């Protein structure tokens, strides 16, 4: 009995659940083994969160959600177990496909049939994913091939696009244009194209082929050999299902006329002949390099400290003497092609493009080889062996084990961002057009970076000024609060001092009242009472009578300041 699916959901529903609780969470939710669940999700071409997605999300970091491609409403049955099946391709009848000399080299529209070696007991019960392939329901195993004159032959299965590589067609393509351009047409990497060529026994152009071709020099085309290997191969299109293509157009910031001129020049740029005279700035700079190296050699011979010497000029210490002419020829080709377009070259071989300085950086790879001791190092080792026989504390000379020598493979970076390098697919001379285009792309990047930097500096300056204003305002408010507080303290202390004096005056008056009520009063007592009443009036701040001896009392001063003391000798 055929197994019933554990769940049946649309691709959109599965996609939403996976991106909400993770693929493992969905598998656990519906009690489906994780490996079986992931296998079916992959077949249904449903993107899942990449590694580290949930960690970034939990820490509040920005994450990228991969969009689901069409059709989103296709029904996907998910089973708890899906047995693996082996498939084989049925080759098309060779009589049914004939190509004459006048016909296009593109493969004709065909159908690739995939037939299981053994009947799949579950496959008969699994309904086909709806809206993926518009084919009759009886042809379950047919895959429609979409082929046009402008695009390579492809077919689609479960929402994923596959390339169909024909041996004859691919051979013509890799000899008609560089592998990097062929890879763009098939929407794969150049490494993938090289692997396909190797699998189909297709020879590819050797290093320097396209540079010689552009220079008008004779080249040799390796014929397609006879081979017992397959004449056709399929492979997944890595750059179409999950990675939306960039809509950015080359030099899109330029006007159509300027853009057309630059692209036309870039497509025709050639490497000058070795005998051709180089640009004057390049000749002058090479003399500067020779002079600098001569000074460095003299410094080494005299044992001078290199830290105090002049900095190395461009190309002086990043590439070998053997690679220097090659780098200069590349720069020469670029300036001779771009100078009529308004570009110029500085003394340090920086390009001035659209008013912006664009810097190039050359570097050369190095190989690690075993170090061969020099005559002087052999003498040091021999001396060490002799000393070791006599003294146990002899110190072995420090001689390096390896040398790193330049190998001639150059790398060129434009504006510190775009990098070109010698590799198996091409050399720098074959990318002159791309390098030239990058020279014209760089000023726009530099300008945007400068505008962004200036905007950031402006915002930072405004933020500092705003912070300074807030600080000053806060300081002013704090000073006002301090002054108000101190004034209030002074007034309060003054009040308590006034109250203390008034309290003293009241005490004196109460005492006078008691004395008056004590009985008969002599003239002396009456005089004392009058004197005491005068002193009470002197203490009383509400009367503030001035005393003949003490003068006017300062009632608001504190007790210590108003304290009566005997006069000293000098008072």
Protein backbone atom coordinates (compact mmCIF):
# COMPACT_ATOMS: atom_id res chain seq x y z
CA UNK A 1 0.00 0.00 0.00
CA UNK A 2 1.34 3.39 -1.01
CA UNK A 3 2.42 5.66 1.81
CA UNK A 4 0.29 8.71 2.42
CA UNK A 5 2.12 12.07 2.69
CA UNK A 6 2.62 13.39 6.21
CA UNK A 7 1.62 16.89 5.10
CA UNK A 8 0.53 18.62 1.91
CA UNK A 9 1.22 22.33 1.78
CA UNK A 10 1.96 25.00 -0.79
CA UNK A 11 5.55 26.06 -1.33
CA UNK A 12 4.67 29.45 0.18
CA UNK A 13 3.26 27.87 3.36
CA UNK A 14 6.32 25.66 3.80
CA UNK A 15 8.61 28.63 3.09
CA UNK A 16 6.86 30.80 5.70
CA UNK A 17 7.02 28.11 8.41
CA UNK A 18 10.69 27.32 7.72
CA UNK A 19 11.69 30.99 7.97
CA UNK A 20 9.61 31.41 11.12
CA UNK A 21 10.69 28.40 13.23
CA UNK A 22 13.58 26.91 11.15
CA UNK A 23 13.66 23.76 9.01
CA UNK A 24 14.49 21.60 12.03
CA UNK A 25 11.53 23.09 13.88
CA UNK A 26 9.11 22.30 11.03
CA UNK A 27 10.44 18.73 10.74
CA UNK A 28 9.96 18.23 14.48
CA UNK A 29 6.52 19.85 14.39
CA UNK A 30 5.21 17.34 11.84
CA UNK A 31 7.27 14.38 13.15
CA UNK A 32 9.27 13.98 9.92
CA UNK A 33 12.91 12.84 9.97
CA UNK A 34 15.09 15.88 9.40
CA UNK A 35 17.19 14.31 6.63
CA UNK A 36 14.08 13.16 4.73
CA UNK A 37 12.45 16.56 5.21
CA UNK A 38 15.51 18.44 3.93
CA UNK A 39 15.79 16.16 0.89
CA UNK A 40 12.21 16.93 -0.15
CA UNK A 41 12.56 20.66 0.59
CA UNK A 42 15.62 20.75 -1.65
CA UNK A 43 13.77 18.96 -4.44
CA UNK A 44 10.95 21.50 -4.13
CA UNK A 45 13.51 24.36 -4.48
CA UNK A 46 12.43 26.05 -1.25
CA UNK A 47 15.22 28.25 0.18
CA UNK A 48 16.16 27.77 3.83
CA UNK A 49 17.94 30.15 6.25
CA UNK A 50 21.74 30.03 5.83
CA UNK A 51 24.20 29.06 8.54
CA UNK A 52 24.33 31.66 11.33
CA UNK A 53 20.94 33.18 10.43
CA UNK A 54 19.24 32.40 13.76
CA UNK A 55 22.31 33.44 15.80
CA UNK A 56 22.40 36.84 14.09
CA UNK A 57 18.64 37.18 14.55
CA UNK A 58 18.84 36.42 18.27
CA UNK A 59 21.52 39.11 18.75
CA UNK A 60 19.49 41.67 16.82
CA UNK A 61 21.92 41.80 13.91
CA UNK A 62 20.69 42.42 10.33
CA UNK A 63 19.89 39.28 8.33
CA UNK A 64 18.98 38.60 4.71
CA UNK A 65 15.89 36.59 3.80
CA UNK A 66 16.15 34.69 0.50
CA UNK A 67 13.06 35.23 -1.62
CA UNK A 68 10.93 32.32 -2.83
CA UNK A 69 10.79 31.94 -6.59
CA UNK A 70 7.64 31.16 -8.58
CA UNK A 71 5.36 29.22 -8.51
CA UNK A 72 4.55 29.91 -4.86
CA UNK A 73 1.15 28.17 -4.81
CA UNK A 74 2.38 24.79 -6.04
CA UNK A 75 1.32 21.94 -3.72
CA UNK A 76 4.22 19.98 -2.20
CA UNK A 77 3.56 16.60 -0.53
CA UNK A 78 6.05 15.81 2.25
CA UNK A 79 6.59 12.15 3.20
CA UNK A 80 8.23 10.69 6.28
CA UNK A 81 10.45 8.47 4.11
CA UNK A 82 11.38 8.96 0.48
CA UNK A 83 13.40 6.11 -1.09
CA UNK A 84 16.16 7.28 -3.42
CA UNK A 85 15.81 6.45 -7.12
CA UNK A 86 18.42 6.21 -9.82
CA UNK A 87 17.75 7.98 -13.08
CA UNK A 88 19.33 7.76 -16.48
CA UNK A 89 19.18 9.93 -19.55
CA UNK A 90 17.86 8.58 -22.84
CA UNK A 91 19.87 9.95 -25.71
CA UNK A 92 17.90 11.51 -28.51
CA UNK A 93 17.82 9.79 -31.88
CA UNK A 94 20.82 11.14 -33.85
CA UNK A 95 18.77 11.02 -37.02
CA UNK A 96 16.22 13.37 -35.56
CA UNK A 97 18.74 16.18 -35.13
CA UNK A 98 20.83 17.25 -38.10
CA UNK A 99 22.72 20.55 -38.33
CA UNK A 100 23.81 21.95 -41.68
CA UNK A 101 26.57 24.48 -42.23
CA UNK A 102 24.05 27.28 -42.71
CA UNK A 103 22.22 26.51 -39.48
CA UNK A 104 22.97 28.17 -36.16
CA UNK A 105 25.51 26.63 -33.81
CA UNK A 106 22.95 26.82 -31.00
CA UNK A 107 21.34 23.51 -30.00
CA UNK A 108 17.81 23.03 -31.27
CA UNK A 109 14.86 22.76 -28.91
CA UNK A 110 14.78 19.18 -27.62
CA UNK A 111 13.30 17.14 -24.82
CA UNK A 112 15.40 15.27 -22.28
CA UNK A 113 13.69 12.18 -20.92
CA UNK A 114 14.55 10.96 -17.44
CA UNK A 115 13.39 7.40 -16.84
CA UNK A 116 13.84 5.51 -13.56
CA UNK A 117 15.84 2.28 -13.71
CA UNK A 118 13.30 0.73 -11.36
CA UNK A 119 9.69 1.66 -10.72
CA UNK A 120 9.31 3.84 -7.68
CA UNK A 121 6.40 2.60 -5.54
CA UNK A 122 5.96 6.00 -3.98
CA UNK A 123 6.41 8.06 -7.12
CA UNK A 124 3.15 6.72 -8.53
CA UNK A 125 1.26 8.11 -5.56
CA UNK A 126 3.06 11.46 -5.34
CA UNK A 127 1.08 14.11 -7.23
CA UNK A 128 3.23 16.23 -9.51
CA UNK A 129 4.04 19.70 -8.21
CA UNK A 130 1.39 21.89 -9.74
CA UNK A 131 2.24 24.71 -12.15
CA UNK A 132 5.94 23.79 -12.28
CA UNK A 133 5.83 22.19 -15.74
CA UNK A 134 2.99 22.82 -18.14
CA UNK A 135 2.94 19.32 -19.64
CA UNK A 136 0.25 16.61 -19.96
CA UNK A 137 -0.31 14.69 -16.74
CA UNK A 138 0.52 11.39 -18.43
CA UNK A 139 4.07 12.50 -19.19
CA UNK A 140 5.20 12.60 -15.57
CA UNK A 141 8.89 12.14 -16.26
CA UNK A 142 9.26 14.60 -19.14
CA UNK A 143 11.14 17.82 -18.54
CA UNK A 144 10.52 20.73 -20.90
CA UNK A 145 13.68 22.23 -22.41
CA UNK A 146 13.62 26.01 -22.91
CA UNK A 147 16.00 26.97 -25.68
CA UNK A 148 16.29 30.13 -27.74
CA UNK A 149 18.78 31.49 -30.21
CA UNK A 150 20.23 33.89 -27.63
CA UNK A 151 20.34 31.62 -24.59
CA UNK A 152 21.95 28.23 -23.92
CA UNK A 153 19.77 25.14 -23.88
CA UNK A 154 18.21 24.62 -20.45
CA UNK A 155 15.50 22.60 -18.76
CA UNK A 156 13.59 23.06 -15.54
CA UNK A 157 12.78 20.49 -12.87
CA UNK A 158 11.09 21.22 -9.52
CA UNK A 159 11.67 24.92 -10.03
CA UNK A 160 15.43 24.53 -10.57
CA UNK A 161 17.07 25.36 -13.92
CA UNK A 162 19.73 23.11 -15.46
CA UNK A 163 22.10 23.81 -18.36
CA UNK A 164 22.51 21.33 -21.22
CA UNK A 165 26.09 21.42 -22.47
CA UNK A 166 26.60 20.10 -26.01
CA UNK A 167 30.19 19.07 -26.80
CA UNK A 168 30.22 20.57 -30.29
CA UNK A 169 28.42 23.76 -29.26
CA UNK A 170 30.54 24.38 -26.16
CA UNK A 171 33.74 23.79 -28.15
CA UNK A 172 32.75 26.53 -30.62
CA UNK A 173 31.72 28.87 -27.79
CA UNK A 174 34.97 28.63 -25.81
CA UNK A 175 36.99 29.31 -28.96
CA UNK A 176 34.71 32.18 -30.04
CA UNK A 177 34.94 34.13 -26.76
CA UNK A 178 36.80 33.87 -23.40
CA UNK A 179 35.61 31.28 -20.91
CA UNK A 180 34.54 34.06 -18.52
CA UNK A 181 32.10 35.35 -21.14
CA UNK A 182 30.81 31.85 -21.88
CA UNK A 183 30.27 31.33 -18.14
CA UNK A 184 28.12 34.47 -17.99
CA UNK A 185 25.85 33.10 -20.73
CA UNK A 186 25.38 29.82 -18.86
CA UNK A 187 25.02 31.68 -15.52
CA UNK A 188 27.78 29.66 -13.86
CA UNK A 189 31.38 30.30 -12.84
CA UNK A 190 34.31 30.00 -15.24
CA UNK A 191 35.57 27.15 -13.05
CA UNK A 192 32.36 25.24 -13.78
CA UNK A 193 32.83 25.74 -17.55
CA UNK A 194 36.40 24.43 -17.31
CA UNK A 195 35.17 21.35 -15.43
CA UNK A 196 32.53 20.69 -18.09
CA UNK A 197 35.13 21.08 -20.85
CA UNK A 198 37.38 18.60 -19.07
CA UNK A 199 34.51 16.15 -18.62
CA UNK A 200 33.55 16.38 -22.32
CA UNK A 201 37.20 16.32 -23.48
CA UNK A 202 36.97 19.82 -24.99
CA UNK A 203 40.29 21.69 -25.49
CA UNK A 204 40.33 25.33 -24.31
CA UNK A 205 42.47 28.27 -25.50
CA UNK A 206 45.90 28.40 -23.84
CA UNK A 207 47.23 31.35 -21.82
CA UNK A 208 47.85 34.41 -23.98
CA UNK A 209 45.53 33.25 -26.77
CA UNK A 210 43.13 36.20 -26.54
CA UNK A 211 45.92 38.74 -26.07
CA UNK A 212 47.59 37.52 -29.28
CA UNK A 213 44.25 37.55 -31.06
CA UNK A 214 43.55 41.14 -30.03
CA UNK A 215 47.04 42.18 -31.10
CA UNK A 216 46.47 40.69 -34.55
CA UNK A 217 49.12 38.02 -34.09
CA UNK A 218 48.71 34.48 -35.49
CA UNK A 219 47.10 31.95 -33.14
CA UNK A 220 46.55 28.22 -33.26
CA UNK A 221 43.10 26.70 -32.73
CA UNK A 222 43.24 23.20 -31.27
CA UNK A 223 40.76 21.00 -33.19
CA UNK A 224 38.09 19.05 -31.32
CA UNK A 225 39.51 15.56 -30.87
CA UNK A 226 37.55 12.36 -31.21
CA UNK A 227 36.44 11.07 -27.84
CA UNK A 228 34.64 8.11 -26.35
CA UNK A 229 33.20 10.35 -23.64
CA UNK A 230 29.62 11.64 -23.59
CA UNK A 231 28.66 14.27 -26.18
CA UNK A 232 26.32 16.03 -23.76
CA UNK A 233 26.32 16.94 -20.08
CA UNK A 234 23.88 18.69 -17.76
CA UNK A 235 24.62 20.88 -14.78
CA UNK A 236 22.72 23.08 -12.35
CA UNK A 237 22.51 26.79 -13.13
CA UNK A 238 24.03 28.18 -9.94
CA UNK A 239 23.25 31.82 -10.57
CA UNK A 240 19.52 31.87 -11.32
CA UNK A 241 17.26 30.11 -8.80
CA UNK A 242 18.29 31.58 -5.45
CA UNK A 243 20.41 34.55 -6.53
CA UNK A 244 18.48 37.28 -8.34
CA UNK A 245 20.54 38.82 -11.10
CA UNK A 246 21.86 42.31 -10.61
CA UNK A 247 20.15 44.95 -12.70
CA UNK A 248 23.15 47.30 -12.48
CA UNK A 249 24.29 48.34 -15.93
CA UNK A 250 27.91 49.06 -16.79
CA UNK A 251 28.70 52.80 -16.63
CA UNK A 252 25.01 53.51 -16.03
CA UNK A 253 25.84 56.91 -14.54
CA UNK A 254 27.14 58.19 -17.90
CA UNK A 255 25.15 59.57 -20.79
CA UNK A 256 24.31 57.15 -23.57
CA UNK A 257 26.75 58.76 -26.02
CA UNK A 258 29.70 58.82 -23.60
CA UNK A 259 28.92 55.30 -22.46
CA UNK A 260 28.82 53.97 -26.03
CA UNK A 261 32.17 55.59 -26.86
CA UNK A 262 33.91 54.16 -23.77
CA UNK A 263 32.50 50.66 -24.32
CA UNK A 264 33.52 50.79 -27.98
CA UNK A 265 37.10 51.78 -27.08
CA UNK A 266 37.23 49.13 -24.33
CA UNK A 267 36.17 46.42 -26.77
CA UNK A 268 38.99 47.36 -29.17
CA UNK A 269 41.84 48.14 -26.76
CA UNK A 270 45.09 46.48 -27.80
CA UNK A 271 48.42 45.88 -26.11
CA UNK A 272 51.12 48.04 -27.77
CA UNK A 273 54.00 46.30 -29.51
CA UNK A 274 57.08 45.66 -27.41
CA UNK A 275 59.09 47.97 -29.67
CA UNK A 276 56.56 50.84 -29.40
CA UNK A 277 57.62 53.92 -27.42
CA UNK A 278 55.86 54.13 -24.08
CA UNK A 279 54.06 57.12 -22.62
CA UNK A 280 56.50 59.84 -21.38
CA UNK A 281 55.26 59.57 -17.78
CA UNK A 282 55.95 55.81 -17.78
CA UNK A 283 59.47 56.33 -19.17
CA UNK A 284 60.16 58.97 -16.51
CA UNK A 285 58.79 56.75 -13.73
CA UNK A 286 60.93 53.80 -14.81
CA UNK A 287 64.00 56.03 -14.51
CA UNK A 288 62.84 56.94 -10.99
CA UNK A 289 62.58 53.23 -10.12
CA UNK A 290 66.08 52.53 -11.47
CA UNK A 291 67.52 55.43 -9.46
CA UNK A 292 65.74 54.33 -6.27
CA UNK A 293 66.99 50.75 -6.59
CA UNK A 294 70.50 52.06 -7.18
CA UNK A 295 70.28 54.08 -3.96
CA UNK A 296 68.96 51.04 -2.08
CA UNK A 297 71.86 48.95 -3.31
CA UNK A 298 74.35 51.59 -2.18
CA UNK A 299 72.64 51.77 1.22
CA UNK A 300 72.89 47.98 1.60
CA UNK A 301 76.59 48.03 0.73
CA UNK A 302 77.26 50.78 3.26
CA UNK A 303 75.09 49.22 5.96
CA UNK A 304 72.80 52.23 6.30
CA UNK A 305 69.44 51.98 8.02
CA UNK A 306 66.71 51.49 5.40
CA UNK A 307 64.10 53.08 7.66
CA UNK A 308 65.63 56.48 6.93
CA UNK A 309 65.63 55.97 3.15
CA UNK A 310 63.04 57.35 0.76
CA UNK A 311 59.81 55.35 0.32
CA UNK A 312 59.68 53.02 -2.65
CA UNK A 313 58.07 54.47 -5.78
CA UNK A 314 55.14 52.74 -7.45
CA UNK A 315 56.07 49.26 -8.84
CA UNK A 316 59.57 49.40 -7.30
CA UNK A 317 59.18 46.75 -4.58
CA UNK A 318 55.87 44.99 -5.30
CA UNK A 319 56.87 43.17 -8.50
CA UNK A 320 60.09 41.71 -9.91
CA UNK A 321 62.36 43.37 -12.44
CA UNK A 322 61.24 40.77 -14.99
CA UNK A 323 57.56 41.66 -14.53
CA UNK A 324 58.11 45.44 -14.54
CA UNK A 325 58.07 45.83 -18.37
CA UNK A 326 54.85 43.84 -18.52
CA UNK A 327 53.13 46.03 -15.93
CA UNK A 328 54.33 49.15 -17.72
CA UNK A 329 52.96 47.87 -21.04
CA UNK A 330 49.56 47.30 -19.40
CA UNK A 331 49.57 50.86 -18.04
CA UNK A 332 50.77 52.12 -21.42
CA UNK A 333 47.89 50.38 -23.20
CA UNK A 334 45.37 51.83 -20.75
CA UNK A 335 46.62 55.43 -20.92
CA UNK A 336 46.93 55.39 -24.71
CA UNK A 337 43.35 54.17 -24.98
CA UNK A 338 41.92 56.55 -22.37
CA UNK A 339 43.97 59.70 -23.01
CA UNK A 340 41.81 60.68 -26.03
CA UNK A 341 38.81 60.36 -23.68
CA UNK A 342 40.15 63.06 -21.34
CA UNK A 343 42.22 60.92 -18.96
CA UNK A 344 45.78 61.69 -17.88
CA UNK A 345 48.65 60.10 -15.98
CA UNK A 346 50.45 61.57 -12.95
CA UNK A 347 54.17 61.30 -12.19
CA UNK A 348 53.42 58.38 -9.84
CA UNK A 349 51.37 56.67 -12.60
CA UNK A 350 47.98 57.39 -11.05
CA UNK A 351 45.16 57.87 -13.55
CA UNK A 352 43.11 61.08 -13.55
CA UNK A 353 39.65 60.08 -14.78
CA UNK A 354 36.77 62.58 -14.78
CA UNK A 355 38.70 64.78 -12.37
CA UNK A 356 39.26 61.99 -9.82
CA UNK A 357 42.56 60.26 -9.03
CA UNK A 358 42.27 56.50 -9.60
CA UNK A 359 45.13 54.42 -8.22
CA UNK A 360 46.32 51.09 -9.57
CA UNK A 361 48.14 48.56 -7.44
CA UNK A 362 50.25 45.77 -8.94
CA UNK A 363 51.48 42.79 -6.98
CA UNK A 364 53.23 39.59 -7.97
CA UNK A 365 52.73 36.17 -6.44
CA UNK A 366 55.65 34.32 -4.89
CA UNK A 367 56.64 30.67 -4.75
CA UNK A 368 58.03 29.08 -1.61
CA UNK A 369 61.27 27.22 -2.40
CA UNK A 370 64.00 25.66 -0.31
CA UNK A 371 66.76 28.10 0.53
CA UNK A 372 70.19 27.33 -0.90
CA UNK A 373 72.85 28.57 1.53
CA UNK A 374 75.16 31.24 0.17
CA UNK A 375 78.94 31.12 0.34
CA UNK A 376 78.94 33.38 3.38
CA UNK A 377 76.27 31.26 5.12
CA UNK A 378 78.27 28.08 4.43
CA UNK A 379 81.29 29.74 6.02
CA UNK A 380 79.20 30.62 9.08
CA UNK A 381 77.99 27.01 9.37
CA UNK A 382 81.54 25.71 9.01
CA UNK A 383 82.76 28.12 11.67
CA UNK A 384 79.93 27.02 13.95
CA UNK A 385 80.85 23.34 13.56
CA UNK A 386 84.48 24.10 14.42
CA UNK A 387 83.50 26.13 17.50
CA UNK A 388 81.08 23.47 18.67
CA UNK A 389 83.92 20.96 18.82
CA UNK A 390 85.79 23.23 21.22
CA UNK A 391 82.95 24.94 23.10
CA UNK A 392 79.50 23.61 23.99
CA UNK A 393 78.05 27.12 24.13
CA UNK A 394 78.66 27.87 20.45
CA UNK A 395 75.66 29.60 18.83
CA UNK A 396 74.29 28.21 15.58
CA UNK A 397 73.83 30.87 12.88
CA UNK A 398 70.22 31.71 12.00
CA UNK A 399 69.81 30.77 8.34
CA UNK A 400 66.34 30.72 6.78
CA UNK A 401 64.98 27.45 5.42
CA UNK A 402 62.92 28.87 2.57
CA UNK A 403 63.01 31.63 -0.01
CA UNK A 404 59.98 33.32 -1.52
CA UNK A 405 60.66 34.20 -5.14
CA UNK A 406 58.47 36.01 -7.63
CA UNK A 407 56.75 33.68 -10.10
CA UNK A 408 55.54 36.15 -12.75
CA UNK A 409 51.82 35.95 -11.89
CA UNK A 410 50.56 39.51 -11.62
CA UNK A 411 47.56 40.88 -9.81
CA UNK A 412 46.06 44.31 -10.52
CA UNK A 413 43.70 46.17 -8.19
CA UNK A 414 41.79 49.25 -9.36
CA UNK A 415 40.97 51.82 -6.69
CA UNK A 416 41.60 49.27 -3.94
CA UNK A 417 38.39 47.40 -4.79
CA UNK A 418 38.19 45.60 -8.13
CA UNK A 419 40.86 42.94 -8.57
CA UNK A 420 42.18 41.28 -11.73
CA UNK A 421 44.83 38.56 -11.68
CA UNK A 422 46.58 36.02 -13.83
CA UNK A 423 44.89 32.65 -13.59
CA UNK A 424 44.31 29.50 -15.64
CA UNK A 425 41.43 31.12 -17.52
CA UNK A 426 43.09 34.38 -18.54
CA UNK A 427 45.96 36.80 -17.97
CA UNK A 428 45.77 40.53 -17.27
CA UNK A 429 46.43 41.45 -20.90
CA UNK A 430 43.20 39.66 -21.86
CA UNK A 431 41.20 41.81 -19.44
CA UNK A 432 42.36 45.23 -20.66
CA UNK A 433 38.83 46.15 -21.71
CA UNK A 434 37.39 45.21 -18.32
CA UNK A 435 40.20 47.08 -16.54
CA UNK A 436 39.55 50.17 -18.65
CA UNK A 437 35.83 50.05 -17.84
CA UNK A 438 36.70 49.74 -14.15
CA UNK A 439 38.90 52.84 -14.49
CA UNK A 440 35.80 54.77 -15.55
CA UNK A 441 33.62 53.10 -12.90
CA UNK A 442 36.06 53.99 -10.11
CA UNK A 443 35.62 57.82 -10.20
CA UNK A 444 31.90 57.44 -9.55
CA UNK A 445 32.67 55.19 -6.57
CA UNK A 446 35.31 57.65 -5.33
CA UNK A 447 32.89 60.54 -5.73
CA UNK A 448 30.11 58.70 -3.89
CA UNK A 449 32.53 57.68 -1.14
CA UNK A 450 33.76 61.26 -0.80
CA UNK A 451 30.22 62.62 -0.70
CA UNK A 452 29.28 59.98 1.87
CA UNK A 453 32.44 60.74 3.87
CA UNK A 454 31.81 64.48 3.74
CA UNK A 455 28.19 63.91 4.72
CA UNK A 456 29.31 61.71 7.61
CA UNK A 457 31.87 64.34 8.65
CA UNK A 458 29.21 67.05 8.41
CA UNK A 459 26.83 65.04 10.55
CA UNK A 460 29.62 64.28 13.01
CA UNK A 461 30.56 67.97 13.15
CA UNK A 462 26.93 68.97 13.64
CA UNK A 463 26.60 66.32 16.32
CA UNK A 464 29.70 67.66 18.10
CA UNK A 465 28.42 71.24 17.82
CA UNK A 466 25.00 70.17 19.05
CA UNK A 467 26.61 68.29 21.93
CA UNK A 468 28.71 71.36 22.76
CA UNK A 469 25.58 73.56 22.70
CA UNK A 470 23.78 71.11 24.96
CA UNK A 471 26.80 71.02 27.27
CA UNK A 472 26.97 74.80 27.45
CA UNK A 473 23.21 75.05 27.99
CA UNK A 474 23.41 72.44 30.72
CA UNK A 475 26.34 74.31 32.27
CA UNK A 476 24.36 77.55 32.17
CA UNK A 477 21.36 75.90 33.78
CA UNK A 478 23.57 74.27 36.39
CA UNK A 479 25.16 77.65 37.16
CA UNK A 480 21.74 79.26 37.47
CA UNK A 481 20.61 76.48 39.78
CA UNK A 482 23.79 76.91 41.84
CA UNK A 483 23.27 80.65 42.12
CA UNK A 484 19.61 80.26 43.07
CA UNK A 485 20.56 77.66 45.64
CA UNK A 486 23.29 79.81 47.17
CA UNK A 487 20.98 82.81 47.30
CA UNK A 488 18.34 80.71 49.01
CA UNK A 489 20.94 79.39 51.45
CA UNK A 490 22.05 82.93 52.26
CA UNK A 491 18.49 84.10 52.76
CA UNK A 492 17.67 81.13 54.97
CA UNK A 493 20.79 81.59 57.08
CA UNK A 494 20.01 85.29 57.33
CA UNK A 495 16.52 84.41 58.49
CA UNK A 496 17.82 82.11 61.21
CA UNK A 497 20.32 84.77 62.30
CA UNK A 498 17.54 87.36 62.51
CA UNK A 499 15.44 84.89 64.48
CA UNK A 500 18.34 84.20 66.85
CA UNK A 501 18.76 87.93 67.55
CA UNK A 502 15.03 88.36 68.03
CA UNK A 503 15.00 85.39 70.40
CA UNK A 504 17.84 86.97 72.42
CA UNK A 505 15.95 90.27 72.60
CA UNK A 506 12.84 88.46 73.87
CA UNK A 507 14.85 86.66 76.54
CA UNK A 508 16.33 89.95 77.75
CA UNK A 509 12.87 91.55 77.94
CA UNK A 510 11.43 88.60 79.85
CA UNK A 511 14.28 88.84 82.31
CA UNK A 512 13.71 92.62 82.70
CA UNK A 513 10.05 91.91 83.46
CA UNK A 514 11.04 89.46 86.19
CA UNK A 515 13.49 91.99 87.69
CA UNK A 516 10.83 94.71 87.70
CA UNK A 517 8.41 92.41 89.48
CA UNK A 518 10.91 91.44 92.17
CA UNK A 519 10.10 94.38 94.50
CA UNK A 520 11.43 97.82 95.34
CA UNK A 521 13.81 99.14 92.73
CA UNK A 522 16.70 101.39 93.52
CA UNK A 523 17.91 104.13 91.25
CA UNK A 524 20.80 101.91 90.27
CA UNK A 525 18.40 99.12 89.27
CA UNK A 526 16.20 101.50 87.36
CA UNK A 527 19.23 102.69 85.41
CA UNK A 528 20.18 99.06 84.75
CA UNK A 529 16.65 98.30 83.51
CA UNK A 530 16.83 101.21 81.06
CA UNK A 531 20.25 100.01 79.92
CA UNK A 532 18.95 96.44 79.50
CA UNK A 533 15.92 97.62 77.51
CA UNK A 534 18.26 99.53 75.22
CA UNK A 535 20.34 96.39 74.70
CA UNK A 536 17.16 94.39 73.94
CA UNK A 537 16.22 96.97 71.32
CA UNK A 538 19.75 96.68 69.93
CA UNK A 539 19.37 92.88 69.60
CA UNK A 540 15.81 93.11 68.21
CA UNK A 541 16.03 93.16 64.34
CA UNK A 542 12.53 94.63 64.16
CA UNK A 543 13.77 97.72 66.03
CA UNK A 544 17.48 97.62 65.10
CA UNK A 545 18.43 100.37 67.50
CA UNK A 546 21.97 101.63 67.18
CA UNK A 547 24.08 101.26 70.34
CA UNK A 548 26.37 104.03 71.54
CA UNK A 549 29.25 101.57 72.07
CA UNK A 550 28.55 98.63 69.73
CA UNK A 551 27.07 100.68 66.95
CA UNK A 552 24.48 99.12 64.59
CA UNK A 553 24.13 95.34 64.92
CA UNK A 554 24.44 93.29 61.69
CA UNK A 555 21.54 90.94 62.41
CA UNK A 556 21.89 88.81 59.23
CA UNK A 557 25.43 87.70 60.05
CA UNK A 558 25.95 84.35 61.81
CA UNK A 559 26.52 83.93 65.51
CA UNK A 560 30.31 83.65 65.32
CA UNK A 561 30.58 86.78 63.23
CA UNK A 562 28.35 88.74 65.63
CA UNK A 563 29.99 87.34 68.77
CA UNK A 564 31.00 90.06 71.26
CA UNK A 565 34.66 89.87 72.20
CA UNK A 566 36.99 91.94 74.35
CA UNK A 567 39.00 94.45 72.44
CA UNK A 568 42.68 93.79 72.02
CA UNK A 569 45.52 96.23 72.44
CA UNK A 570 45.35 97.53 68.86
CA UNK A 571 41.57 97.85 68.72
